[in-house]
Amino acid sequence: MDVVFVIDDTGSMGGAIDNVKSGINDIISAVNAASGGDYRIVLVTFEDVVYVNATFDVNENDIIDMINNLTAIGRVVGLGHLIKH
């Protein structure tokens, strides 16, 4: 199963981003259960520009860290070494 998280990280989305952060572990657990552990995850964020923050070769824990470090100012904060363009 391929899963793509597409998150609007414009300034007005702070509350929605907080909701994603609080639910990400449950979401990934549900994906794991539904796929029998056979899944890949991608993170895409957008504001005025679309950023592919992680491709399918980034591991689940790094995706969770990227989502948890996402801010409503339009970028993943502090994990630039994981972002592949």
C-alpha atoms as a PDB file:
ATOM      1  CA  MET A   1       0.000   0.000   0.000  1.00  0.00           C
ATOM      2  CA  ASP A   2       1.347   3.418  -0.900  1.00  0.00           C
ATOM      3  CA  VAL A   3       0.257   6.258   1.399  1.00  0.00           C
ATOM      4  CA  VAL A   4       0.776   9.948   0.675  1.00  0.00           C
ATOM      5  CA  PHE A   5       0.210  12.561   3.350  1.00  0.00           C
ATOM      6  CA  VAL A   6      -0.584  15.890   1.663  1.00  0.00           C
ATOM      7  CA  ILE A   7      -0.635  18.715   4.184  1.00  0.00           C
ATOM      8  CA  ASP A   8      -1.435  22.400   3.681  1.00  0.00           C
ATOM      9  CA  ASP A   9       1.081  24.189   5.893  1.00  0.00           C
ATOM     10  CA  THR A  10       0.056  27.786   5.272  1.00  0.00           C
ATOM     11  CA  GLY A  11      -0.152  30.058   8.287  1.00  0.00           C
ATOM     12  CA  SER A  12      -3.877  29.560   8.797  1.00  0.00           C
ATOM     13  CA  MET A  13      -3.563  25.777   9.154  1.00  0.00           C
ATOM     14  CA  GLY A  14      -1.947  25.656  12.612  1.00  0.00           C
ATOM     15  CA  GLY A  15      -4.922  23.933  14.265  1.00  0.00           C
ATOM     16  CA  ALA A  16      -5.273  21.399  11.473  1.00  0.00           C
ATOM     17  CA  ILE A  17      -1.544  20.610  11.595  1.00  0.00           C
ATOM     18  CA  ASP A  18      -1.815  20.068  15.353  1.00  0.00           C
ATOM     19  CA  ASN A  19      -4.625  17.578  14.694  1.00  0.00           C
ATOM     20  CA  VAL A  20      -2.457  15.676  12.216  1.00  0.00           C
ATOM     21  CA  LYS A  21       0.421  15.628  14.691  1.00  0.00           C
ATOM     22  CA  SER A  22      -1.779  14.269  17.465  1.00  0.00           C
ATOM     23  CA  GLY A  23      -3.206  11.537  15.241  1.00  0.00           C
ATOM     24  CA  ILE A  24      -0.192  10.483  13.150  1.00  0.00           C
ATOM     25  CA  ASN A  25       0.731   7.442  15.238  1.00  0.00           C
ATOM     26  CA  ASP A  26      -2.857   6.133  15.135  1.00  0.00           C
ATOM     27  CA  ILE A  27      -3.047   6.767  11.394  1.00  0.00           C
ATOM     28  CA  ILE A  28       0.159   4.856  10.725  1.00  0.00           C
ATOM     29  CA  SER A  29      -0.942   2.023  13.005  1.00  0.00           C
ATOM     30  CA  ALA A  30      -4.176   1.762  10.985  1.00  0.00           C
ATOM     31  CA  VAL A  31      -2.203   1.754   7.722  1.00  0.00           C
ATOM     32  CA  ASN A  32       0.091  -0.940   9.112  1.00  0.00           C
ATOM     33  CA  ALA A  33      -2.862  -3.099  10.138  1.00  0.00           C
ATOM     34  CA  ALA A  34      -4.767  -2.616   6.878  1.00  0.00           C
ATOM     35  CA  SER A  35      -1.721  -3.397   4.725  1.00  0.00           C
ATOM     36  CA  GLY A  36      -0.338  -6.259   6.762  1.00  0.00           C
ATOM     37  CA  GLY A  37       2.826  -4.209   7.223  1.00  0.00           C
ATOM     38  CA  ASP A  38       3.407  -3.850   3.490  1.00  0.00           C
ATOM     39  CA  TYR A  39       3.286  -0.084   2.932  1.00  0.00           C
ATOM     40  CA  ARG A  40       5.334   2.959   1.984  1.00  0.00           C
ATOM     41  CA  ILE A  41       4.772   6.568   3.058  1.00  0.00           C
ATOM     42  CA  VAL A  42       5.433   9.935   1.382  1.00  0.00           C
ATOM     43  CA  LEU A  43       5.017  13.424   2.844  1.00  0.00           C
ATOM     44  CA  VAL A  44       4.001  16.321   0.578  1.00  0.00           C
ATOM     45  CA  THR A  45       3.380  19.814   1.965  1.00  0.00           C
ATOM     46  CA  PHE A  46       2.153  22.878   0.195  1.00  0.00           C
ATOM     47  CA  GLU A  47       1.528  26.554   0.630  1.00  0.00           C
ATOM     48  CA  ASP A  48       2.033  28.571  -2.544  1.00  0.00           C
ATOM     49  CA  VAL A  49       4.479  25.892  -3.694  1.00  0.00           C
ATOM     50  CA  VAL A  50       4.315  22.105  -3.399  1.00  0.00           C
ATOM     51  CA  TYR A  51       7.220  20.383  -1.606  1.00  0.00           C
ATOM     52  CA  VAL A  52       7.858  16.654  -1.737  1.00  0.00           C
ATOM     53  CA  ASN A  53       9.387  16.395   1.724  1.00  0.00           C
ATOM     54  CA  ALA A  54      10.077  12.695   1.630  1.00  0.00           C
ATOM     55  CA  THR A  55       9.953  10.041  -1.027  1.00  0.00           C
ATOM     56  CA  PHE A  56       9.157   6.363  -0.564  1.00  0.00           C
ATOM     57  CA  ASP A  57      12.747   5.617   0.471  1.00  0.00           C
ATOM     58  CA  VAL A  58      12.456   7.570   3.765  1.00  0.00           C
ATOM     59  CA  ASN A  59      11.513   5.419   6.748  1.00  0.00           C
ATOM     60  CA  GLU A  60       8.320   5.683   8.780  1.00  0.00           C
ATOM     61  CA  ASN A  61       9.965   7.193  11.876  1.00  0.00           C
ATOM     62  CA  ASP A  62      11.543   9.977   9.816  1.00  0.00           C
ATOM     63  CA  ILE A  63       8.141  10.752   8.249  1.00  0.00           C
ATOM     64  CA  ILE A  64       6.609  10.930  11.746  1.00  0.00           C
ATOM     65  CA  ASP A  65       9.432  13.257  12.852  1.00  0.00           C
ATOM     66  CA  MET A  66       8.868  15.475   9.800  1.00  0.00           C
ATOM     67  CA  ILE A  67       5.151  15.699  10.508  1.00  0.00           C
ATOM     68  CA  ASN A  68       5.767  16.420  14.192  1.00  0.00           C
ATOM     69  CA  ASN A  69       8.186  19.206  13.205  1.00  0.00           C
ATOM     70  CA  LEU A  70       5.826  20.715  10.642  1.00  0.00           C
ATOM     71  CA  THR A  71       4.792  24.286  11.359  1.00  0.00           C
ATOM     72  CA  ALA A  72       2.083  26.509   9.934  1.00  0.00           C
ATOM     73  CA  ILE A  73       4.671  28.809   8.400  1.00  0.00           C
ATOM     74  CA  GLY A  74       5.332  26.638   5.422  1.00  0.00           C
ATOM     75  CA  ARG A  75       8.154  24.123   5.860  1.00  0.00           C
ATOM     76  CA  VAL A  76       9.369  21.136   7.804  1.00  0.00           C
ATOM     77  CA  VAL A  77      11.588  22.594  10.519  1.00  0.00           C
ATOM     78  CA  GLY A  78      14.932  21.109  11.483  1.00  0.00           C
ATOM     79  CA  LEU A  79      14.991  18.028   9.268  1.00  0.00           C
ATOM     80  CA  GLY A  80      16.506  19.344   6.055  1.00  0.00           C
ATOM     81  CA  HIS A  81      18.954  16.461   5.963  1.00  0.00           C
ATOM     82  CA  LEU A  82      16.041  14.110   5.330  1.00  0.00           C
ATOM     83  CA  ILE A  83      14.369  16.112   2.570  1.00  0.00           C
ATOM     84  CA  LYS A  84      15.101  14.867  -0.925  1.00  0.00           C
ATOM     85  CA  HIS A  85      14.385  17.023  -3.964  1.00  0.00           C
END
